[in-house]
Protein backbone atom coordinates (compact mmCIF):
# COMPACT_ATOMS: atom_id res chain seq x y z
CA UNK A 1 87.18 103.50 48.60
CA UNK A 2 86.71 105.61 51.75
CA UNK A 3 87.50 109.28 51.54
CA UNK A 4 89.61 111.22 54.06
CA UNK A 5 86.60 112.38 56.09
CA UNK A 6 85.32 108.84 56.58
CA UNK A 7 88.78 107.60 57.59
CA UNK A 8 89.17 110.48 60.03
CA UNK A 9 85.75 109.92 61.59
CA UNK A 10 86.47 106.19 61.93
CA UNK A 11 89.76 106.99 63.66
CA UNK A 12 88.06 109.42 66.04
CA UNK A 13 85.35 106.88 66.84
CA UNK A 14 87.98 104.24 67.56
CA UNK A 15 89.83 106.66 69.85
CA UNK A 16 86.65 107.52 71.76
CA UNK A 17 85.85 103.83 72.26
CA UNK A 18 89.39 103.19 73.54
CA UNK A 19 89.07 106.02 76.09
CA UNK A 20 85.65 104.77 77.20
CA UNK A 21 87.06 101.29 77.85
CA UNK A 22 89.86 102.61 80.04
CA UNK A 23 87.48 104.81 82.04
CA UNK A 24 85.13 101.94 82.82
CA UNK A 25 87.73 99.48 84.10
CA UNK A 26 88.41 99.19 87.80
CA UNK A 27 91.69 100.38 89.30
CA UNK A 28 94.41 97.83 89.86
CA UNK A 29 96.99 98.25 92.61
CA UNK A 30 99.44 99.44 89.95
CA UNK A 31 97.15 102.42 89.27
CA UNK A 32 97.30 103.75 92.83
CA UNK A 33 99.19 106.96 93.52
CA UNK A 34 100.63 108.08 96.86
CA UNK A 35 97.78 110.59 97.14
CA UNK A 36 95.16 107.77 97.22
CA UNK A 37 95.48 107.29 100.97
CA UNK A 38 92.01 105.81 101.38
CA UNK A 39 92.75 103.08 98.85
CA UNK A 40 96.22 102.45 100.29
CA UNK A 41 94.85 102.09 103.83
CA UNK A 42 93.40 98.76 102.69
CA UNK A 43 96.96 97.37 102.60
CA UNK A 44 98.01 98.69 106.02
CA UNK A 45 97.08 97.46 109.52
CA UNK A 46 95.65 99.75 112.19
CA UNK A 47 99.10 99.97 113.74
CA UNK A 48 100.60 101.08 110.42
CA UNK A 49 102.34 97.92 109.25
CA UNK A 50 102.16 97.00 105.56
CA UNK A 51 100.31 93.73 105.07
CA UNK A 52 102.33 90.89 103.50
CA UNK A 53 101.64 89.49 100.08
CA UNK A 54 100.13 86.27 101.39
CA UNK A 55 97.42 88.30 103.13
CA UNK A 56 96.74 90.86 100.37
CA UNK A 57 96.78 88.32 97.55
CA UNK A 58 98.72 90.65 95.26
CA UNK A 59 101.32 89.64 92.72
CA UNK A 60 104.97 90.37 93.54
CA UNK A 61 105.02 93.34 91.17
CA UNK A 62 101.83 94.79 92.63
CA UNK A 63 103.09 94.30 96.21
CA UNK A 64 106.36 96.09 95.43
CA UNK A 65 104.43 98.97 93.88
CA UNK A 66 102.03 99.22 96.83
CA UNK A 67 104.94 99.13 99.30
CA UNK A 68 106.79 101.93 97.48
CA UNK A 69 103.60 103.96 97.21
CA UNK A 70 102.79 103.58 100.93
CA UNK A 71 106.34 104.56 101.88
CA UNK A 72 106.12 107.58 99.59
CA UNK A 73 102.82 108.60 101.20
CA UNK A 74 104.36 108.21 104.67
CA UNK A 75 107.32 110.33 103.63
CA UNK A 76 104.97 113.09 102.47
CA UNK A 77 103.11 112.76 105.82
CA UNK A 78 99.88 111.70 104.13
CA UNK A 79 99.77 108.34 105.95
CA UNK A 80 100.94 106.83 109.23
């Protein structure tokens, strides 16, 4: 039967592994914030128009999030 110290150390190890997994994964479009202007510029043309979903290949949910985020960045004058 494991004692409290072993259970605690196992829990801490599990937590550390969970954090390491989330740090190593790549960012999805849902992870972008309005301050990530370099990443958001991938979804905007040179003239400033937001690219449609058929061009970006995003899901509907991701496209809505990217659109809101780009508009938020424009409103804060971070993007054109």
